[in-house]
Amino acid sequence: MSTKRPRLNDSDQDTLTRHAQAFHEMLPSLSRSNFPLVKFWTREEWNAYNSARKDASSAEVDNPRGGPTDYIEEEDGMPVSSVTITEIRLLARSIWIGAFERGKAPKTWGDASKELRDEYFYEMESHWGILRYCQNHWKADTLATLAYSPWYRHFSSKVKKEQATIPNERAAKRSKNTVNDVAMAHTPEPEAQAGPSGTPMPKNLPVKDSDETPSDPSPRVEQGTQQTGSKTGSKPRVRRVVRKDPL
């Protein structure tokens, strides 16, 4: 069953073409004669080694307990560390994620387009020169052949789950906002407090201090005094009258 490959637009095509051109110009193939200690220059040598490793007594195998990535070697022919393998795989995944986000990632590495493969080889071998100690990029290609399909299944499933949660989160948010609106609509207003005469007092109306003594608008007239009139509306004046004793 064939997988339908997405069609590249002009921008993506130009980018991948530039990468492929840069790969051929900047990363020429290395000569094995310059790296005589590298054991697995061809894929056939690595396959033969794996076949012989099944027989632990074989004289052709110097490390029968070697790992599945021992084909990635240093210049001296020693396998790279597990830390280096982890970092190489992280770079490979970042390249695949970029292709996935552009809609260019196939389900299997065997269905990868030439443009994607060239981009992958260029990026991997530019960052990790040890992957160039081989013929026809087979070390980077073998890494992708073993790791790409499991990565794709896991990553695509994760993306689908995240996309499925987005509508649910939006619906929950709308429901919460509706509940809050209904609750606010049914919240009663606070009752007004009653004044001394039983009349409700408006909210925030300042209350006059009850200890204040109201002033008397009219002057107090004592016995033996007489008020003198004035114009209406003016303040009355008080004049004291002194009576003489007739005796």
Protein backbone atom coordinates (compact mmCIF):
# COMPACT_ATOMS: atom_id res chain seq x y z
CA MET A 1 0.00 0.00 0.00
CA SER A 2 1.62 3.24 -1.12
CA THR A 3 1.53 6.46 0.88
CA LYS A 4 0.50 9.61 -0.92
CA ARG A 5 3.31 12.11 -0.68
CA PRO A 6 2.46 15.76 -0.05
CA ARG A 7 3.24 18.17 -2.86
CA LEU A 8 6.05 20.66 -2.27
CA ASN A 9 5.33 24.32 -2.87
CA ASP A 10 7.83 26.60 -4.61
CA SER A 11 9.30 27.96 -1.37
CA ASP A 12 9.95 24.51 0.10
CA GLN A 13 11.36 23.27 -3.19
CA ASP A 14 13.79 26.17 -3.40
CA THR A 15 14.91 25.67 0.19
CA LEU A 16 15.56 21.96 -0.22
CA THR A 17 17.32 22.53 -3.54
CA ARG A 18 19.66 25.01 -1.90
CA HIS A 19 20.35 22.51 0.89
CA ALA A 20 21.11 19.77 -1.60
CA GLN A 21 23.43 22.05 -3.56
CA ALA A 22 25.18 23.16 -0.38
CA PHE A 23 25.56 19.52 0.62
CA HIS A 24 27.38 18.61 -2.58
CA GLU A 25 29.49 21.78 -2.51
CA MET A 26 30.40 21.91 1.20
CA LEU A 27 30.37 18.25 2.21
CA PRO A 28 32.22 16.23 -0.39
CA SER A 29 32.58 12.49 0.08
CA LEU A 30 35.53 11.47 2.26
CA SER A 31 38.18 9.03 1.14
CA ARG A 32 38.60 5.88 3.16
CA SER A 33 42.35 6.00 2.67
CA ASN A 34 42.44 9.05 4.94
CA PHE A 35 40.68 7.14 7.75
CA PRO A 36 42.32 3.70 7.84
CA LEU A 37 41.14 2.90 11.39
CA VAL A 38 37.43 3.15 10.61
CA LYS A 39 36.10 -0.43 10.52
CA PHE A 40 32.68 -0.01 8.89
CA TRP A 41 33.05 2.16 5.84
CA THR A 42 30.40 0.27 3.88
CA ARG A 43 27.03 -1.10 4.90
CA GLU A 44 28.13 -4.59 3.77
CA GLU A 45 30.95 -4.57 6.31
CA TRP A 46 28.55 -3.73 9.11
CA ASN A 47 26.06 -6.43 8.03
CA ALA A 48 28.85 -9.00 7.93
CA TYR A 49 29.96 -7.95 11.40
CA ASN A 50 26.44 -8.33 12.79
CA SER A 51 26.11 -11.78 11.25
CA ALA A 52 29.42 -12.88 12.76
CA ARG A 53 28.51 -11.36 16.15
CA LYS A 54 25.76 -13.92 16.58
CA ASP A 55 28.52 -16.46 17.14
CA ALA A 56 30.36 -15.25 20.20
CA SER A 57 33.26 -17.58 19.50
CA SER A 58 33.92 -16.09 16.08
CA ALA A 59 37.44 -14.73 15.72
CA GLU A 60 36.17 -12.00 13.43
CA VAL A 61 34.32 -10.28 16.29
CA ASP A 62 36.43 -8.45 18.83
CA ASN A 63 33.41 -7.19 20.81
CA PRO A 64 30.55 -9.72 20.74
CA ARG A 65 28.51 -7.60 23.17
CA GLY A 66 28.60 -4.47 21.04
CA GLY A 67 25.56 -2.25 20.70
CA PRO A 68 23.27 -1.70 17.71
CA THR A 69 24.89 1.66 16.95
CA ASP A 70 28.52 0.55 16.99
CA TYR A 71 28.70 1.36 13.29
CA ILE A 72 28.93 5.06 14.29
CA GLU A 73 32.66 5.36 14.98
CA GLU A 74 35.23 7.90 15.95
CA GLU A 75 38.14 8.49 13.63
CA ASP A 76 40.16 5.93 15.57
CA GLY A 77 37.54 3.24 14.95
CA MET A 78 36.11 3.23 18.48
CA PRO A 79 32.31 3.37 18.91
CA VAL A 80 30.98 6.73 20.06
CA SER A 81 29.59 7.13 23.56
CA SER A 82 25.94 6.66 24.47
CA VAL A 83 25.73 10.39 25.25
CA THR A 84 26.80 11.21 21.70
CA ILE A 85 24.24 8.76 20.29
CA THR A 86 21.49 10.48 22.31
CA GLU A 87 22.50 13.89 20.96
CA ILE A 88 22.60 12.58 17.39
CA ARG A 89 19.08 11.19 17.76
CA LEU A 90 17.82 14.49 19.19
CA LEU A 91 19.07 16.30 16.10
CA ALA A 92 17.41 13.73 13.83
CA ARG A 93 14.08 14.17 15.62
CA SER A 94 14.28 17.95 15.31
CA ILE A 95 14.69 17.59 11.53
CA TRP A 96 11.74 15.20 11.35
CA ILE A 97 9.56 17.50 13.46
CA GLY A 98 10.31 20.35 11.06
CA ALA A 99 9.25 18.16 8.13
CA PHE A 100 6.08 17.12 10.02
CA GLU A 101 5.10 20.72 10.71
CA ARG A 102 5.47 21.52 7.01
CA GLY A 103 3.33 18.51 6.11
CA LYS A 104 6.29 16.77 4.44
CA ALA A 105 6.85 13.85 6.81
CA PRO A 106 5.91 10.39 5.43
CA LYS A 107 4.77 7.53 7.64
CA THR A 108 7.91 5.49 6.93
CA TRP A 109 11.44 6.52 6.06
CA GLY A 110 11.29 4.38 2.95
CA ASP A 111 8.63 6.76 1.57
CA ALA A 112 10.73 9.88 2.22
CA SER A 113 11.22 12.10 -0.82
CA LYS A 114 14.66 12.73 -2.26
CA GLU A 115 14.42 16.36 -1.14
CA LEU A 116 13.74 15.36 2.47
CA ARG A 117 16.51 12.76 2.46
CA ASP A 118 19.02 15.27 1.07
CA GLU A 119 18.01 17.80 3.71
CA TYR A 120 18.35 15.18 6.43
CA PHE A 121 21.80 14.00 5.27
CA TYR A 122 23.05 17.56 4.96
CA GLU A 123 21.90 18.62 8.43
CA MET A 124 23.06 15.46 10.17
CA GLU A 125 26.50 15.27 8.56
CA SER A 126 27.07 19.02 8.95
CA HIS A 127 26.59 18.79 12.72
CA TRP A 128 28.13 15.35 13.23
CA GLY A 129 31.15 14.78 11.02
CA ILE A 130 31.54 11.22 12.33
CA LEU A 131 28.51 10.27 10.23
CA ARG A 132 30.57 11.03 7.13
CA TYR A 133 32.98 8.16 7.81
CA CYS A 134 31.13 5.97 5.32
CA GLN A 135 29.99 5.48 1.75
CA ASN A 136 26.79 7.06 0.39
CA HIS A 137 25.51 8.38 3.77
CA TRP A 138 24.56 4.87 4.89
CA LYS A 139 25.22 5.57 8.58
CA ALA A 140 22.78 8.48 8.78
CA ASP A 141 20.38 6.52 6.61
CA THR A 142 20.56 3.44 8.86
CA LEU A 143 19.85 5.58 11.91
CA ALA A 144 16.70 6.92 10.24
CA THR A 145 15.64 3.49 8.99
CA LEU A 146 15.67 2.11 12.55
CA ALA A 147 14.29 5.12 14.42
CA TYR A 148 11.99 7.08 12.11
CA SER A 149 8.87 4.88 11.99
CA PRO A 150 8.57 4.46 15.81
CA TRP A 151 9.12 8.20 16.20
CA TYR A 152 6.44 9.02 13.62
CA ARG A 153 3.82 6.80 15.29
CA HIS A 154 4.48 8.32 18.70
CA PHE A 155 4.71 11.94 17.55
CA SER A 156 1.66 11.87 15.24
CA SER A 157 -0.42 10.23 17.99
CA LYS A 158 0.68 12.92 20.45
CA VAL A 159 -0.26 15.69 18.03
CA LYS A 160 -3.72 14.18 17.44
CA LYS A 161 -4.40 13.99 21.19
CA GLU A 162 -3.35 17.60 21.68
CA GLN A 163 -5.57 18.75 18.83
CA ALA A 164 -8.51 16.78 20.26
CA THR A 165 -8.21 18.52 23.63
CA ILE A 166 -8.44 22.02 22.15
CA PRO A 167 -12.23 21.90 21.40
CA ASN A 168 -12.90 20.41 24.84
CA GLU A 169 -10.94 23.17 26.56
CA ARG A 170 -12.83 25.82 24.60
CA ALA A 171 -16.20 24.24 25.46
CA ALA A 172 -15.27 24.07 29.15
CA LYS A 173 -14.26 27.73 29.10
CA ARG A 174 -17.54 28.75 27.45
CA SER A 175 -19.51 26.72 30.00
CA LYS A 176 -17.66 28.32 32.89
CA ASN A 177 -18.30 31.81 31.53
CA THR A 178 -22.04 31.00 31.14
CA VAL A 179 -22.30 29.79 34.73
CA ASN A 180 -20.60 32.94 35.99
CA ASP A 181 -22.95 35.15 33.96
CA VAL A 182 -26.04 33.36 35.31
CA ALA A 183 -24.77 33.60 38.88
CA MET A 184 -24.17 37.34 38.53
CA ALA A 185 -27.64 37.87 37.02
CA HIS A 186 -29.34 36.22 40.03
CA THR A 187 -27.31 37.92 42.75
CA PRO A 188 -29.72 40.19 44.80
CA GLU A 189 -28.80 43.81 45.45
CA PRO A 190 -27.96 44.64 49.12
CA GLU A 191 -30.94 46.04 51.12
CA ALA A 192 -30.91 49.70 52.12
CA GLN A 193 -30.59 50.46 55.85
CA ALA A 194 -33.56 52.13 57.61
CA GLY A 195 -33.10 55.55 59.16
CA PRO A 196 -34.28 56.66 62.67
CA SER A 197 -37.82 57.33 61.42
CA GLY A 198 -38.08 54.05 59.58
CA THR A 199 -37.40 55.63 56.16
CA PRO A 200 -34.83 53.67 54.13
CA MET A 201 -31.55 55.51 53.85
CA PRO A 202 -29.83 55.60 50.49
CA LYS A 203 -26.59 53.67 50.29
CA ASN A 204 -23.41 55.68 50.91
CA LEU A 205 -25.41 58.65 52.29
CA PRO A 206 -23.29 60.38 54.96
CA VAL A 207 -24.88 60.19 58.39
CA LYS A 208 -24.68 63.28 60.59
CA ASP A 209 -23.02 62.78 63.94
CA SER A 210 -25.78 62.47 66.58
CA ASP A 211 -23.62 64.17 69.23
CA GLU A 212 -23.80 67.51 67.46
CA THR A 213 -26.20 69.96 69.12
CA PRO A 214 -28.39 71.78 66.63
CA SER A 215 -28.04 75.52 66.81
CA ASP A 216 -31.08 77.59 67.79
CA PRO A 217 -31.98 79.92 64.92
CA SER A 218 -33.53 82.54 67.23
CA PRO A 219 -31.56 84.40 69.93
CA ARG A 220 -32.39 83.70 73.54
CA VAL A 221 -34.05 86.68 75.34
CA GLU A 222 -33.62 86.89 79.06
CA GLN A 223 -35.92 88.71 81.43
CA GLY A 224 -35.08 92.34 81.63
CA THR A 225 -33.98 92.56 78.05
CA GLN A 226 -35.70 93.95 74.99
CA GLN A 227 -35.35 93.09 71.34
CA THR A 228 -35.01 95.78 68.83
CA GLY A 229 -36.62 95.14 65.51
CA SER A 230 -34.98 95.42 62.19
CA LYS A 231 -35.83 94.65 58.66
CA THR A 232 -37.34 91.31 57.92
CA GLY A 233 -34.71 88.66 57.43
CA SER A 234 -32.00 90.52 59.41
CA LYS A 235 -30.61 89.21 62.68
CA PRO A 236 -32.40 90.85 65.71
CA ARG A 237 -30.27 92.86 68.12
CA VAL A 238 -30.73 92.75 71.88
CA ARG A 239 -30.62 95.99 73.96
CA ARG A 240 -30.56 95.85 77.72
CA VAL A 241 -33.09 98.18 79.51
CA VAL A 242 -32.04 99.59 82.93
CA ARG A 243 -34.84 100.78 85.20
CA LYS A 244 -34.14 103.35 87.91
CA ASP A 245 -35.36 102.86 91.47
CA PRO A 246 -38.10 105.53 92.11
CA LEU A 247 -37.25 105.79 95.79
